[in-house]
Amino acid sequence: MSLSTEQVHTFAALGAKMRLAELEHERQTLLTYLNGGEKAEMFTPTKVQRRARKRKGMTAAQRKAVGVRMRKYWAARRAKA
C-alpha cells in the first residue's frame, strides 16, 4: 500500500495540527500552575538535603609516603620500558 504525495502531505498536516494542539494544552496547563492556579503546590520546590562529602585530609607524613610510593612506581615503569 503506497500513499500518494498528496496523501502524505495531508497526513503530515493533520499530525502537525494535533501535536500543536497538544503542545498548546500543555502550555496552558503549565501557565495555570505557574500563575498559582490549581495544584500549584505540585510545583513548589522543596529543599533537598544533600549529604556533605566528608573526606579526611592527609597528613604531611601520609602525603610524603604517597610521594615515595609513586616515585618508586614510576621508576619501575621507566626501567621496564
C-alpha atoms as a PDB file:
ATOM      1  CA  MET A   1       0.000   0.000   0.000  1.00  0.00           C
ATOM      2  CA  SER A   2       1.667   3.180  -1.089  1.00  0.00           C
ATOM      3  CA  LEU A   3       0.430   6.665  -0.470  1.00  0.00           C
ATOM      4  CA  SER A   4       0.482   9.483  -2.940  1.00  0.00           C
ATOM      5  CA  THR A   5       2.477  12.584  -2.195  1.00  0.00           C
ATOM      6  CA  GLU A   6      -0.744  14.483  -1.629  1.00  0.00           C
ATOM      7  CA  GLN A   7      -1.942  11.939   0.939  1.00  0.00           C
ATOM      8  CA  VAL A   8       1.393  12.056   2.774  1.00  0.00           C
ATOM      9  CA  HIS A   9       1.206  15.855   2.946  1.00  0.00           C
ATOM     10  CA  THR A  10      -2.396  15.658   4.203  1.00  0.00           C
ATOM     11  CA  PHE A  11      -1.479  13.188   6.948  1.00  0.00           C
ATOM     12  CA  ALA A  12       1.575  15.252   7.906  1.00  0.00           C
ATOM     13  CA  ALA A  13      -0.548  18.384   8.196  1.00  0.00           C
ATOM     14  CA  LEU A  14      -3.136  16.581  10.352  1.00  0.00           C
ATOM     15  CA  GLY A  15      -0.397  15.177  12.595  1.00  0.00           C
ATOM     16  CA  ALA A  16       1.205  18.585  12.950  1.00  0.00           C
ATOM     17  CA  LYS A  17      -2.130  20.178  13.873  1.00  0.00           C
ATOM     18  CA  MET A  18      -2.779  17.501  16.513  1.00  0.00           C
ATOM     19  CA  ARG A  19       0.699  17.908  18.003  1.00  0.00           C
ATOM     20  CA  LEU A  20       0.309  21.687  18.028  1.00  0.00           C
ATOM     21  CA  ALA A  21      -2.981  21.327  19.917  1.00  0.00           C
ATOM     22  CA  GLU A  22      -1.288  19.013  22.463  1.00  0.00           C
ATOM     23  CA  LEU A  23       1.539  21.484  22.988  1.00  0.00           C
ATOM     24  CA  GLU A  24      -0.876  24.379  23.418  1.00  0.00           C
ATOM     25  CA  HIS A  25      -2.816  22.406  26.023  1.00  0.00           C
ATOM     26  CA  GLU A  26       0.424  21.608  27.869  1.00  0.00           C
ATOM     27  CA  ARG A  27       1.444  25.286  27.683  1.00  0.00           C
ATOM     28  CA  GLN A  28      -1.872  26.411  29.154  1.00  0.00           C
ATOM     29  CA  THR A  29      -1.589  23.830  31.939  1.00  0.00           C
ATOM     30  CA  LEU A  30       1.919  24.985  32.828  1.00  0.00           C
ATOM     31  CA  LEU A  31       0.902  28.645  32.788  1.00  0.00           C
ATOM     32  CA  THR A  32      -2.005  27.841  35.093  1.00  0.00           C
ATOM     33  CA  TYR A  33       0.313  26.075  37.544  1.00  0.00           C
ATOM     34  CA  LEU A  34       2.974  28.754  37.373  1.00  0.00           C
ATOM     35  CA  ASN A  35       0.450  31.534  37.953  1.00  0.00           C
ATOM     36  CA  GLY A  36      -0.758  29.921  41.158  1.00  0.00           C
ATOM     37  CA  GLY A  37      -3.714  28.091  39.697  1.00  0.00           C
ATOM     38  CA  GLU A  38      -5.000  24.695  40.740  1.00  0.00           C
ATOM     39  CA  LYS A  39      -2.478  22.240  42.103  1.00  0.00           C
ATOM     40  CA  ALA A  40       0.231  24.878  42.174  1.00  0.00           C
ATOM     41  CA  GLU A  41       1.653  23.172  45.229  1.00  0.00           C
ATOM     42  CA  MET A  42       2.825  20.391  42.939  1.00  0.00           C
ATOM     43  CA  PHE A  43       5.392  22.774  41.524  1.00  0.00           C
ATOM     44  CA  THR A  44       6.517  24.285  44.807  1.00  0.00           C
ATOM     45  CA  PRO A  45      10.176  23.430  45.191  1.00  0.00           C
ATOM     46  CA  THR A  46      11.182  21.652  48.352  1.00  0.00           C
ATOM     47  CA  LYS A  47      14.545  21.906  49.980  1.00  0.00           C
ATOM     48  CA  VAL A  48      16.645  18.894  49.144  1.00  0.00           C
ATOM     49  CA  GLN A  49      19.064  17.876  51.807  1.00  0.00           C
ATOM     50  CA  ARG A  50      22.327  16.711  50.390  1.00  0.00           C
ATOM     51  CA  ARG A  51      24.958  14.908  52.299  1.00  0.00           C
ATOM     52  CA  ALA A  52      28.145  16.825  52.650  1.00  0.00           C
ATOM     53  CA  ARG A  53      31.041  14.959  51.172  1.00  0.00           C
ATOM     54  CA  LYS A  54      33.397  14.390  54.022  1.00  0.00           C
ATOM     55  CA  ARG A  55      36.873  13.286  53.295  1.00  0.00           C
ATOM     56  CA  LYS A  56      39.633  13.252  55.806  1.00  0.00           C
ATOM     57  CA  GLY A  57      42.643  15.247  54.800  1.00  0.00           C
ATOM     58  CA  MET A  58      46.019  13.625  54.511  1.00  0.00           C
ATOM     59  CA  THR A  59      48.720  14.420  56.991  1.00  0.00           C
ATOM     60  CA  ALA A  60      52.128  15.544  55.808  1.00  0.00           C
ATOM     61  CA  ALA A  61      53.522  12.101  56.594  1.00  0.00           C
ATOM     62  CA  GLN A  62      50.823  10.413  54.517  1.00  0.00           C
ATOM     63  CA  ARG A  63      51.479  12.729  51.565  1.00  0.00           C
ATOM     64  CA  LYS A  64      55.200  12.019  51.811  1.00  0.00           C
ATOM     65  CA  ALA A  65      54.542   8.260  51.902  1.00  0.00           C
ATOM     66  CA  VAL A  66      52.395   8.533  48.787  1.00  0.00           C
ATOM     67  CA  GLY A  67      55.117  10.529  47.052  1.00  0.00           C
ATOM     68  CA  VAL A  68      57.773   7.949  47.896  1.00  0.00           C
ATOM     69  CA  ARG A  69      55.488   5.123  46.755  1.00  0.00           C
ATOM     70  CA  MET A  70      54.700   6.876  43.457  1.00  0.00           C
ATOM     71  CA  ARG A  71      58.354   7.697  42.741  1.00  0.00           C
ATOM     72  CA  LYS A  72      59.168   4.013  43.234  1.00  0.00           C
ATOM     73  CA  TYR A  73      56.252   3.024  40.981  1.00  0.00           C
ATOM     74  CA  TRP A  74      57.261   5.357  38.146  1.00  0.00           C
ATOM     75  CA  ALA A  75      60.933   4.409  38.435  1.00  0.00           C
ATOM     76  CA  ALA A  76      59.922   0.766  37.967  1.00  0.00           C
ATOM     77  CA  ARG A  77      57.774   1.697  34.956  1.00  0.00           C
ATOM     78  CA  ARG A  78      60.646   3.643  33.354  1.00  0.00           C
ATOM     79  CA  ALA A  79      63.066   0.790  33.997  1.00  0.00           C
ATOM     80  CA  LYS A  80      60.638  -1.688  32.444  1.00  0.00           C
ATOM     81  CA  ALA A  81      60.173   0.387  29.256  1.00  0.00           C
END
